[in-house]
Amino acid sequence: MQALKRKILNEAYFRQVGSQVAQLLNENISLQAYSTSKIFDAGQPTPATHPQLLEEGEVTPSIMADEYVLRREKLSELLPDKGLAIFASAPIKMMTDVVPYPFRQDADYLYLTGCQQPGGIAVLGHDCGLCMFMPGPDPQEVTWQGQSAGIEAAVHTFRADQAYPLNKMREILSPMISNTSKLFHIKKTALPAYTDLDAFRKVAYNGKVKDLSPYTHELRWKKSPSEIKLMKQSASIACQALIQTMLLSTTSPEESKLAAKVEFECKMRGAQRMAFNPVVGGGANASVIHYSRNDQTVKAGELVLMDMGCELHGYLSDLTRTWPPCGSFSTAQEELYNLILEINKECVELCKPGVSIRQIHQYSTEMLLKGLAKIGVLKGDKNDLHSYHQLNPTSIGHYLGMDVHDCSMISNDRPLEPGVVITIEPGIYIPSSFDVPERFRGIGIRIEDEVLITETGHEVLTGSMPKEIQHITSLLKYGHTLQSEPRNLKAAIS
């Protein structure tokens, strides 16, 4: 190496390659020989293969191996003596015989193992610790799909106490099941690979099989500091993407283009996928709560409702805004919008430890019912409660985390605690055929924010996203100006 440096430093070499090399050498940049050592491929990003994503010690971005171990320890503490828990990875779902749908890992399996790949089954118990059964190496699969995690990755990357090929599961798992006092598994993701075992059928027949979801949802309900960091980043990406989409809507108010734009902006900022297919409802389409066709053009004078979110390293955002691409609200639209905005802001202020989603929902129901009666959408008597539920059949919010409707086994009656993330999303959805004053027909409005419960109250994770009418109209005005600048410049030059 020293001989090579001396060769580079001779005068003839400087004349050949120029002074830039000399400058680099003078800055003490060392030369390194080419290395042929192979970096271990775990089938997913690791600090060695993706240093731009993961720090040393992280299994997934921002989540350390020690945190995954701690999660499993907490779950073990919830299991009875000699209890055993089985949780499986999500299966691959096929679009056609050779084309799979994009894979997304089951939230519980990912939460407990950090493994982002299909095909595995994990077992947790007091005696065995974490035991992972991993798909064996298949040269043909590697050729077509790339490397996947095996037993080596299970031990060294995911810190399993034991690891075996999947084809050894019958002989190893069967006696473990037979010796358990009570068996738990995730019913929604159960796989015949273990439920068809004679040992499993026997304990199921004896009433010893229970759903593990209440335990995993209990653990996932309150987010750790590293999870909160990812959720804040996911929310920030969603806000930035939606702002860019609102700007585009001023000149390209097609639902499909807005859906494409928001997905593009999310992924360009680091999101792996959308949290769900974006709802982009223009005009009366906004009154369809989970509208997904996204194939119409938003007409002049109509509002567009966009409900969207993205996924960042396993953690989701969920955000809704409603705006007029033309740049201004009609009087009727403004009346309804201000009502929904007032409910949104008051319900956000209610978010604090000790208050439940159910209590916030009841408050929002009373507030919306009075507001709709005041502006003439509803008659205001008790018999009109049925009409109210037709116009707003949704809850004020839900838990948010690794799934959009996260921790569904946790009741909405449960008092909120620090570390819980919820949505606050009041809305009104009036079909064109509904019996209300004509000026209100065909209008759908929702304003949704993400709220983190803190020790002292709350933090709005989507607080950077405009929702006041004056802020929205200013943004849209800027969008019109921005889109017209190239034409103005061309006119000035000519």
Protein backbone atom coordinates (compact mmCIF):
# COMPACT_ATOMS: atom_id res chain seq x y z
CA MET A 1 0.00 0.00 0.00
CA GLN A 2 2.86 2.43 0.86
CA ALA A 3 4.50 1.67 -2.47
CA LEU A 4 1.26 2.50 -4.24
CA LYS A 5 1.02 5.85 -2.43
CA ARG A 6 4.59 6.72 -3.40
CA LYS A 7 3.77 5.93 -7.04
CA ILE A 8 0.74 8.20 -6.95
CA LEU A 9 2.72 11.02 -5.40
CA ASN A 10 5.41 11.21 -8.07
CA GLU A 11 5.47 14.26 -10.31
CA ALA A 12 4.76 12.41 -13.54
CA TYR A 13 1.52 11.00 -12.17
CA PHE A 14 0.33 14.47 -11.11
CA ARG A 15 0.89 15.75 -14.64
CA GLN A 16 -1.18 12.86 -16.00
CA VAL A 17 -4.28 13.03 -13.81
CA GLY A 18 -4.22 16.69 -12.72
CA SER A 19 -4.15 18.53 -9.45
CA GLN A 20 -7.44 17.15 -8.10
CA VAL A 21 -5.84 13.89 -7.00
CA ALA A 22 -3.08 15.83 -5.27
CA GLN A 23 -5.67 17.84 -3.37
CA LEU A 24 -7.44 14.70 -2.20
CA LEU A 25 -4.18 13.15 -1.04
CA ASN A 26 -3.15 16.32 0.76
CA GLU A 27 -6.47 16.11 2.65
CA ASN A 28 -5.22 12.77 4.00
CA ILE A 29 -7.78 10.57 2.26
CA SER A 30 -6.54 7.01 2.70
CA LEU A 31 -6.53 4.42 -0.03
CA GLN A 32 -8.29 1.15 0.65
CA ALA A 33 -7.72 -2.10 -1.13
CA TYR A 34 -10.71 -3.78 -2.78
CA SER A 35 -12.38 -6.21 -0.38
CA THR A 36 -13.84 -9.51 -1.52
CA SER A 37 -15.40 -10.38 1.88
CA LYS A 38 -19.08 -11.25 1.58
CA ILE A 39 -21.64 -9.27 3.59
CA PHE A 40 -24.28 -11.52 5.18
CA ASP A 41 -27.67 -11.13 3.46
CA ALA A 42 -30.55 -11.52 5.92
CA GLY A 43 -33.14 -11.06 3.18
CA GLN A 44 -34.03 -7.59 4.50
CA PRO A 45 -32.08 -4.40 5.29
CA THR A 46 -29.45 -4.66 8.03
CA PRO A 47 -26.86 -2.14 9.27
CA ALA A 48 -24.23 -3.90 7.14
CA THR A 49 -26.20 -3.85 3.88
CA HIS A 50 -28.16 -0.61 4.37
CA PRO A 51 -26.16 1.76 6.59
CA GLN A 52 -28.23 4.63 5.20
CA LEU A 53 -31.31 3.12 6.89
CA LEU A 54 -30.14 1.36 10.03
CA GLU A 55 -27.74 2.14 12.83
CA GLU A 56 -25.64 -0.61 14.40
CA GLY A 57 -27.83 -2.71 16.68
CA GLU A 58 -31.11 -1.95 14.90
CA VAL A 59 -33.17 -4.82 13.48
CA THR A 60 -35.54 -2.48 11.65
CA PRO A 61 -35.05 1.28 11.24
CA SER A 62 -35.14 3.02 14.65
CA ILE A 63 -35.98 -0.22 16.52
CA MET A 64 -33.08 -1.83 18.36
CA ALA A 65 -32.70 -5.58 18.83
CA ASP A 66 -32.97 -5.04 22.60
CA GLU A 67 -36.44 -3.53 22.15
CA TYR A 68 -37.65 -6.61 20.26
CA VAL A 69 -36.26 -8.80 23.06
CA LEU A 70 -38.04 -6.65 25.66
CA ARG A 71 -41.33 -6.97 23.78
CA ARG A 72 -41.06 -10.76 23.87
CA GLU A 73 -40.19 -10.70 27.56
CA LYS A 74 -43.30 -8.63 28.29
CA LEU A 75 -45.45 -11.08 26.32
CA SER A 76 -43.91 -14.03 28.18
CA GLU A 77 -44.88 -12.37 31.46
CA LEU A 78 -48.50 -12.35 30.33
CA LEU A 79 -48.50 -16.08 29.54
CA PRO A 80 -49.39 -18.62 32.23
CA ASP A 81 -46.85 -21.10 33.52
CA LYS A 82 -45.99 -23.56 30.71
CA GLY A 83 -48.06 -21.44 28.32
CA LEU A 84 -47.02 -21.36 24.67
CA ALA A 85 -47.68 -18.70 22.01
CA ILE A 86 -47.57 -19.29 18.24
CA PHE A 87 -47.59 -16.43 15.76
CA ALA A 88 -47.17 -16.74 12.00
CA SER A 89 -45.93 -14.39 9.32
CA ALA A 90 -48.40 -13.11 6.76
CA PRO A 91 -48.84 -15.38 3.73
CA ILE A 92 -48.03 -14.38 0.17
CA LYS A 93 -51.23 -13.58 -1.73
CA MET A 94 -51.28 -14.08 -5.46
CA MET A 95 -52.70 -11.68 -8.03
CA THR A 96 -52.33 -14.32 -10.77
CA ASP A 97 -50.65 -17.72 -10.85
CA VAL A 98 -47.19 -16.12 -11.05
CA VAL A 99 -47.70 -12.53 -9.90
CA PRO A 100 -47.93 -11.88 -6.14
CA TYR A 101 -49.56 -8.90 -4.50
CA PRO A 102 -47.07 -6.63 -2.71
CA PHE A 103 -46.21 -8.33 0.56
CA ARG A 104 -46.93 -6.69 3.91
CA GLN A 105 -45.92 -8.42 7.12
CA ASP A 106 -48.45 -9.24 9.82
CA ALA A 107 -48.20 -6.54 12.49
CA ASP A 108 -47.99 -8.91 15.47
CA TYR A 109 -45.30 -11.07 13.87
CA LEU A 110 -43.28 -7.99 12.90
CA TYR A 111 -43.75 -6.42 16.34
CA LEU A 112 -42.34 -9.47 18.11
CA THR A 113 -39.61 -10.62 15.72
CA GLY A 114 -38.58 -7.75 13.43
CA CYS A 115 -38.71 -10.19 10.50
CA GLN A 116 -40.23 -8.57 7.41
CA GLN A 117 -40.41 -11.70 5.27
CA PRO A 118 -43.06 -14.35 4.59
CA GLY A 119 -42.98 -18.04 5.36
CA GLY A 120 -41.95 -18.12 9.01
CA ILE A 121 -43.67 -19.39 12.14
CA ALA A 122 -42.50 -18.34 15.60
CA VAL A 123 -43.11 -19.87 19.02
CA LEU A 124 -42.64 -18.18 22.38
CA GLY A 125 -42.60 -19.89 25.74
CA HIS A 126 -40.99 -19.75 29.17
CA ASP A 127 -38.90 -22.86 28.50
CA CYS A 128 -38.01 -22.43 24.83
CA GLY A 129 -37.71 -18.64 24.65
CA LEU A 130 -38.18 -17.51 21.03
CA CYS A 131 -38.11 -20.43 18.63
CA MET A 132 -38.33 -19.57 14.92
CA PHE A 133 -39.13 -21.98 12.11
CA MET A 134 -37.80 -20.51 8.87
CA PRO A 135 -38.24 -21.49 5.20
CA GLY A 136 -35.32 -23.57 3.94
CA PRO A 137 -33.05 -22.34 1.15
CA ASP A 138 -34.55 -22.85 -2.30
CA PRO A 139 -32.11 -22.06 -5.14
CA GLN A 140 -34.97 -21.49 -7.59
CA GLU A 141 -36.70 -19.05 -5.21
CA VAL A 142 -33.42 -17.20 -4.66
CA THR A 143 -32.99 -16.91 -8.44
CA TRP A 144 -36.46 -15.43 -8.91
CA GLN A 145 -37.11 -13.61 -5.63
CA GLY A 146 -33.71 -13.02 -4.05
CA GLN A 147 -32.28 -14.10 -0.71
CA SER A 148 -34.60 -14.68 2.24
CA ALA A 149 -33.96 -15.10 5.94
CA GLY A 150 -33.10 -18.59 7.18
CA ILE A 151 -32.09 -20.08 10.52
CA GLU A 152 -28.81 -18.11 10.54
CA ALA A 153 -30.71 -14.81 10.27
CA ALA A 154 -33.19 -16.01 12.90
CA VAL A 155 -30.39 -16.43 15.43
CA HIS A 156 -28.01 -13.60 14.55
CA THR A 157 -30.40 -10.93 13.23
CA PHE A 158 -33.66 -11.60 15.09
CA ARG A 159 -32.02 -13.05 18.23
CA ALA A 160 -34.04 -16.25 18.36
CA ASP A 161 -33.05 -18.64 21.15
CA GLN A 162 -33.68 -21.56 18.81
CA ALA A 163 -34.11 -21.80 15.05
CA TYR A 164 -35.03 -24.66 12.77
CA PRO A 165 -35.95 -25.21 9.11
CA LEU A 166 -39.70 -25.11 8.53
CA ASN A 167 -39.67 -28.75 7.43
CA LYS A 168 -38.60 -29.72 10.98
CA MET A 169 -41.60 -28.06 12.58
CA ARG A 170 -43.79 -31.14 12.90
CA GLU A 171 -41.29 -33.17 14.91
CA ILE A 172 -40.14 -30.24 17.09
CA LEU A 173 -43.35 -28.26 17.62
CA SER A 174 -45.67 -31.20 18.28
CA PRO A 175 -44.10 -32.20 21.65
CA MET A 176 -43.91 -28.52 22.65
CA ILE A 177 -47.66 -28.21 22.08
CA SER A 178 -48.40 -31.48 23.91
CA ASN A 179 -46.55 -30.28 27.01
CA THR A 180 -48.21 -26.86 27.21
CA SER A 181 -50.75 -25.90 29.84
CA LYS A 182 -52.47 -23.45 27.48
CA LEU A 183 -51.80 -22.63 23.84
CA PHE A 184 -52.23 -19.15 22.33
CA HIS A 185 -52.15 -18.15 18.66
CA ILE A 186 -53.28 -15.31 16.41
CA LYS A 187 -56.58 -16.68 15.13
CA LYS A 188 -56.80 -14.31 12.15
CA THR A 189 -53.41 -15.42 10.78
CA ALA A 190 -53.56 -19.10 11.75
CA LEU A 191 -51.92 -21.43 9.23
CA PRO A 192 -52.71 -25.10 8.49
CA ALA A 193 -48.97 -25.78 8.81
CA TYR A 194 -49.45 -25.91 12.59
CA THR A 195 -53.25 -26.05 13.11
CA ASP A 196 -53.37 -29.38 11.22
CA LEU A 197 -50.89 -30.98 13.63
CA ASP A 198 -52.46 -33.75 15.71
CA ALA A 199 -51.04 -32.16 18.85
CA PHE A 200 -52.74 -28.84 18.07
CA ARG A 201 -56.06 -30.50 17.33
CA LYS A 202 -55.89 -32.38 20.61
CA VAL A 203 -55.32 -29.31 22.79
CA ALA A 204 -57.97 -27.43 20.78
CA TYR A 205 -60.45 -30.25 21.44
CA ASN A 206 -59.65 -30.00 25.15
CA GLY A 207 -60.36 -26.24 25.14
CA LYS A 208 -56.76 -25.19 25.75
CA VAL A 209 -56.37 -22.92 22.67
CA LYS A 210 -56.95 -19.19 23.10
CA ASP A 211 -56.54 -16.09 20.92
CA LEU A 212 -53.22 -14.30 21.46
CA SER A 213 -54.44 -11.00 19.96
CA PRO A 214 -55.68 -9.47 23.25
CA TYR A 215 -52.15 -9.85 24.63
CA THR A 216 -50.29 -8.51 21.60
CA HIS A 217 -52.70 -5.60 21.20
CA GLU A 218 -52.20 -4.77 24.88
CA LEU A 219 -48.45 -4.51 24.26
CA ARG A 220 -48.84 -2.53 21.02
CA TRP A 221 -51.40 -0.08 22.40
CA LYS A 222 -48.89 2.27 24.03
CA LYS A 223 -46.00 3.26 21.77
CA SER A 224 -42.36 3.34 22.85
CA PRO A 225 -40.18 6.42 22.16
CA SER A 226 -38.73 4.74 19.06
CA GLU A 227 -42.22 3.93 17.76
CA ILE A 228 -43.39 7.48 18.40
CA LYS A 229 -40.38 8.76 16.44
CA LEU A 230 -41.41 6.64 13.43
CA MET A 231 -45.05 7.71 13.71
CA LYS A 232 -44.04 11.37 13.76
CA GLN A 233 -41.92 10.83 10.66
CA SER A 234 -44.74 8.98 8.91
CA ALA A 235 -47.17 11.80 9.77
CA SER A 236 -44.70 14.41 8.51
CA ILE A 237 -44.33 12.59 5.19
CA ALA A 238 -48.11 12.40 4.81
CA CYS A 239 -48.51 16.12 5.52
CA GLN A 240 -45.84 17.13 3.02
CA ALA A 241 -47.28 14.82 0.36
CA LEU A 242 -50.82 16.11 0.86
CA ILE A 243 -49.73 19.74 0.62
CA GLN A 244 -48.05 19.01 -2.71
CA THR A 245 -51.20 17.23 -3.87
CA MET A 246 -53.39 20.19 -2.94
CA LEU A 247 -51.15 22.44 -5.00
CA LEU A 248 -51.51 20.13 -8.01
CA SER A 249 -55.30 20.02 -7.64
CA THR A 250 -55.60 23.66 -8.69
CA THR A 251 -54.71 22.76 -12.28
CA SER A 252 -55.22 18.95 -12.40
CA PRO A 253 -58.39 18.20 -10.41
CA GLU A 254 -58.71 14.59 -11.58
CA GLU A 255 -59.16 12.07 -8.76
CA SER A 256 -56.77 9.57 -10.36
CA LYS A 257 -53.99 12.13 -10.77
CA LEU A 258 -54.35 13.32 -7.19
CA ALA A 259 -54.18 9.72 -5.96
CA ALA A 260 -51.05 9.14 -8.04
CA LYS A 261 -49.49 12.40 -6.88
CA VAL A 262 -49.93 11.73 -3.17
CA GLU A 263 -48.47 8.22 -3.50
CA PHE A 264 -45.52 9.53 -5.50
CA GLU A 265 -44.79 12.26 -2.95
CA CYS A 266 -44.99 9.79 -0.04
CA LYS A 267 -42.61 7.31 -1.63
CA MET A 268 -40.18 10.02 -2.74
CA ARG A 269 -39.93 10.99 0.94
CA GLY A 270 -39.09 7.46 2.09
CA ALA A 271 -42.43 5.72 2.68
CA GLN A 272 -42.49 2.07 1.66
CA ARG A 273 -46.18 2.00 0.71
CA MET A 274 -49.49 3.71 1.28
CA ALA A 275 -51.32 2.85 4.48
CA PHE A 276 -54.41 2.14 2.35
CA ASN A 277 -55.73 3.00 -1.09
CA PRO A 278 -56.23 6.79 -0.90
CA VAL A 279 -59.80 8.06 -0.83
CA VAL A 280 -60.04 10.87 -3.38
CA GLY A 281 -63.70 11.85 -3.60
CA GLY A 282 -64.75 14.87 -5.61
CA GLY A 283 -68.22 16.34 -5.24
CA ALA A 284 -70.83 13.77 -4.24
CA ASN A 285 -68.18 11.02 -4.26
CA ALA A 286 -66.94 12.49 -0.97
CA SER A 287 -70.17 11.34 0.66
CA VAL A 288 -69.05 7.71 0.12
CA ILE A 289 -66.95 7.19 3.23
CA HIS A 290 -64.52 4.62 1.81
CA TYR A 291 -64.77 5.72 -1.83
CA SER A 292 -61.94 4.07 -3.77
CA ARG A 293 -62.69 4.31 -7.50
CA ASN A 294 -60.85 7.60 -7.91
CA ASP A 295 -61.84 7.86 -11.57
CA GLN A 296 -63.79 11.12 -11.85
CA THR A 297 -62.86 14.74 -12.54
CA VAL A 298 -63.62 17.21 -9.76
CA LYS A 299 -65.88 19.84 -11.28
CA ALA A 300 -65.51 23.57 -10.72
CA GLY A 301 -67.13 24.58 -7.46
CA GLU A 302 -66.94 21.07 -5.95
CA LEU A 303 -64.95 20.01 -2.92
CA VAL A 304 -62.52 17.12 -2.94
CA LEU A 305 -62.03 14.95 0.14
CA MET A 306 -58.72 13.10 0.41
CA ASP A 307 -58.17 10.48 3.11
CA MET A 308 -54.63 9.15 2.90
CA GLY A 309 -51.71 7.84 4.90
CA CYS A 310 -48.41 6.12 4.36
CA GLU A 311 -46.32 3.42 6.00
CA LEU A 312 -42.80 4.10 7.21
CA HIS A 313 -40.90 1.03 8.42
CA GLY A 314 -44.04 -0.61 9.77
CA TYR A 315 -45.78 2.46 11.24
CA LEU A 316 -48.73 4.24 9.64
CA SER A 317 -50.14 7.71 9.28
CA ASP A 318 -53.79 8.60 8.62
CA LEU A 319 -54.85 12.08 7.53
CA THR A 320 -57.87 13.68 5.84
CA ARG A 321 -58.42 17.15 4.41
CA THR A 322 -61.25 18.59 2.30
CA TRP A 323 -60.77 21.56 -0.01
CA PRO A 324 -62.09 23.28 -3.17
CA PRO A 325 -59.55 22.92 -6.02
CA CYS A 326 -61.08 26.04 -7.62
CA GLY A 327 -59.75 28.03 -4.66
CA SER A 328 -62.86 29.16 -2.78
CA PHE A 329 -65.68 27.65 -0.72
CA SER A 330 -69.34 28.29 -1.50
CA THR A 331 -71.49 29.63 1.34
CA ALA A 332 -73.04 26.22 2.03
CA GLN A 333 -69.67 24.48 1.88
CA GLU A 334 -68.19 27.01 4.26
CA GLU A 335 -71.05 26.57 6.74
CA LEU A 336 -70.57 22.82 6.87
CA TYR A 337 -66.78 23.04 6.84
CA ASN A 338 -66.65 25.48 9.76
CA LEU A 339 -68.92 23.18 11.77
CA ILE A 340 -66.70 20.14 11.16
CA LEU A 341 -63.58 22.20 11.85
CA GLU A 342 -64.98 23.42 15.17
CA ILE A 343 -65.77 19.84 16.20
CA ASN A 344 -62.31 18.70 15.12
CA LYS A 345 -60.58 21.35 17.22
CA GLU A 346 -62.76 20.88 20.30
CA CYS A 347 -62.39 17.09 20.20
CA VAL A 348 -58.61 17.39 19.84
CA GLU A 349 -58.60 19.53 22.99
CA LEU A 350 -60.43 16.74 24.83
CA CYS A 351 -57.58 14.31 24.14
CA LYS A 352 -55.70 13.63 27.35
CA PRO A 353 -55.00 10.77 29.77
CA GLY A 354 -58.14 9.41 31.43
CA VAL A 355 -60.56 10.30 28.62
CA SER A 356 -61.81 7.57 26.27
CA ILE A 357 -62.50 7.60 22.53
CA ARG A 358 -66.12 6.76 23.40
CA GLN A 359 -66.46 9.88 25.53
CA ILE A 360 -64.96 12.06 22.81
CA HIS A 361 -67.30 10.44 20.27
CA GLN A 362 -70.38 11.15 22.39
CA TYR A 363 -69.36 14.77 22.71
CA SER A 364 -68.83 15.04 18.94
CA THR A 365 -72.24 13.48 18.26
CA GLU A 366 -74.04 16.03 20.44
CA MET A 367 -72.07 18.89 18.92
CA LEU A 368 -72.68 17.82 15.32
CA LEU A 369 -76.37 17.11 15.91
CA LYS A 370 -76.89 20.62 17.31
CA GLY A 371 -74.79 22.21 14.58
CA LEU A 372 -76.63 20.47 11.74
CA ALA A 373 -79.97 21.49 13.24
CA LYS A 374 -78.80 25.09 13.59
CA ILE A 375 -77.84 25.49 9.92
CA GLY A 376 -80.93 23.65 8.66
CA VAL A 377 -79.54 20.28 7.57
CA LEU A 378 -81.53 18.45 10.26
CA LYS A 379 -84.87 19.28 11.85
CA GLY A 380 -83.46 19.23 15.35
CA ASP A 381 -85.95 16.88 17.04
CA LYS A 382 -85.27 13.45 18.56
CA ASN A 383 -86.82 11.66 15.63
CA ASP A 384 -84.10 13.10 13.41
CA LEU A 385 -81.38 11.04 15.13
CA HIS A 386 -81.88 8.36 12.46
CA SER A 387 -81.14 10.92 9.74
CA TYR A 388 -78.07 12.02 11.67
CA HIS A 389 -76.62 8.49 11.67
CA GLN A 390 -77.25 8.25 7.93
CA LEU A 391 -75.20 11.41 7.44
CA ASN A 392 -72.46 10.40 9.86
CA PRO A 393 -72.26 6.66 10.68
CA THR A 394 -68.59 6.77 11.70
CA SER A 395 -66.79 7.01 15.03
CA ILE A 396 -64.89 10.17 15.94
CA GLY A 397 -61.65 8.20 15.77
CA HIS A 398 -59.65 5.01 16.26
CA TYR A 399 -56.29 3.80 17.52
CA LEU A 400 -53.39 4.12 15.09
CA GLY A 401 -50.03 2.36 14.88
CA MET A 402 -48.81 -0.64 12.92
CA ASP A 403 -52.34 -1.07 11.52
CA VAL A 404 -54.74 1.65 10.39
CA HIS A 405 -57.39 0.55 12.89
CA ASP A 406 -54.76 -0.50 15.39
CA CYS A 407 -55.23 -2.73 18.44
CA SER A 408 -58.85 -3.56 17.62
CA MET A 409 -59.09 -5.78 20.71
CA ILE A 410 -58.74 -2.69 22.93
CA SER A 411 -62.14 -1.15 23.72
CA ASN A 412 -62.94 2.44 22.79
CA ASP A 413 -64.21 2.75 26.39
CA ARG A 414 -60.70 2.38 27.77
CA PRO A 415 -59.24 5.57 29.28
CA LEU A 416 -56.41 6.89 27.13
CA GLU A 417 -52.85 6.75 28.44
CA PRO A 418 -49.59 8.49 27.46
CA GLY A 419 -48.07 6.85 24.40
CA VAL A 420 -51.39 6.00 22.72
CA VAL A 421 -51.98 7.47 19.25
CA ILE A 422 -55.54 8.05 18.00
CA THR A 423 -57.27 9.84 15.14
CA ILE A 424 -59.85 12.60 15.50
CA GLU A 425 -61.95 12.69 12.33
CA PRO A 426 -65.39 14.31 12.45
CA GLY A 427 -67.25 14.34 9.17
CA ILE A 428 -70.52 14.88 7.35
CA TYR A 429 -71.55 12.87 4.26
CA ILE A 430 -74.65 14.12 2.41
CA PRO A 431 -75.67 12.14 -0.71
CA SER A 432 -77.11 14.09 -3.64
CA SER A 433 -80.50 12.40 -3.15
CA PHE A 434 -80.80 13.09 0.58
CA ASP A 435 -83.76 15.13 1.83
CA VAL A 436 -81.96 18.31 2.92
CA PRO A 437 -81.91 21.84 1.51
CA GLU A 438 -80.57 21.63 -2.03
CA ARG A 439 -77.49 23.77 -1.34
CA PHE A 440 -76.15 21.06 1.03
CA ARG A 441 -76.73 18.06 -1.22
CA GLY A 442 -73.76 16.15 -2.60
CA ILE A 443 -71.26 17.47 -0.07
CA GLY A 444 -68.85 15.32 1.94
CA ILE A 445 -66.42 16.82 4.44
CA ARG A 446 -63.96 15.18 6.81
CA ILE A 447 -61.08 16.74 8.76
CA GLU A 448 -58.81 14.11 10.31
CA ASP A 449 -55.75 14.55 12.50
CA GLU A 450 -53.44 12.20 14.36
CA VAL A 451 -53.12 12.84 18.08
CA LEU A 452 -50.50 11.47 20.47
CA ILE A 453 -51.57 11.29 24.12
CA THR A 454 -48.88 12.73 26.39
CA GLU A 455 -48.38 13.00 30.16
CA THR A 456 -49.75 16.54 30.15
CA GLY A 457 -52.35 16.29 27.37
CA HIS A 458 -51.71 15.71 23.71
CA GLU A 459 -49.59 16.48 20.65
CA VAL A 460 -51.10 16.77 17.16
CA LEU A 461 -48.75 14.83 14.88
CA THR A 462 -50.41 16.29 11.76
CA GLY A 463 -50.35 19.85 13.09
CA SER A 464 -48.31 21.11 10.11
CA MET A 465 -51.21 20.37 7.75
CA PRO A 466 -53.44 23.43 7.07
CA LYS A 467 -57.11 23.13 7.98
CA GLU A 468 -58.33 26.70 8.61
CA ILE A 469 -60.25 28.07 5.62
CA GLN A 470 -58.00 31.10 5.23
CA HIS A 471 -54.89 28.91 5.28
CA ILE A 472 -56.34 26.51 2.71
CA THR A 473 -57.43 29.26 0.32
CA SER A 474 -54.02 30.93 0.62
CA LEU A 475 -52.32 27.65 -0.22
CA LEU A 476 -54.59 27.10 -3.22
CA LYS A 477 -53.99 30.65 -4.42
CA TYR A 478 -50.28 29.97 -4.27
CA GLY A 479 -50.89 26.77 -6.24
CA HIS A 480 -52.61 28.69 -9.01
CA THR A 481 -49.75 31.20 -9.07
CA LEU A 482 -47.15 28.46 -9.07
CA GLN A 483 -48.74 26.63 -11.98
CA SER A 484 -49.08 29.83 -14.05
CA GLU A 485 -45.46 30.95 -13.61
CA PRO A 486 -44.09 29.05 -16.65
CA ARG A 487 -46.75 30.63 -18.88
CA ASN A 488 -46.06 34.10 -17.42
CA LEU A 489 -42.34 33.63 -17.98
CA LYS A 490 -42.92 32.53 -21.58
CA ALA A 491 -45.11 35.58 -22.22
CA ALA A 492 -42.51 37.90 -20.70
CA ILE A 493 -39.74 36.46 -22.90
CA SER A 494 -41.81 36.73 -26.07
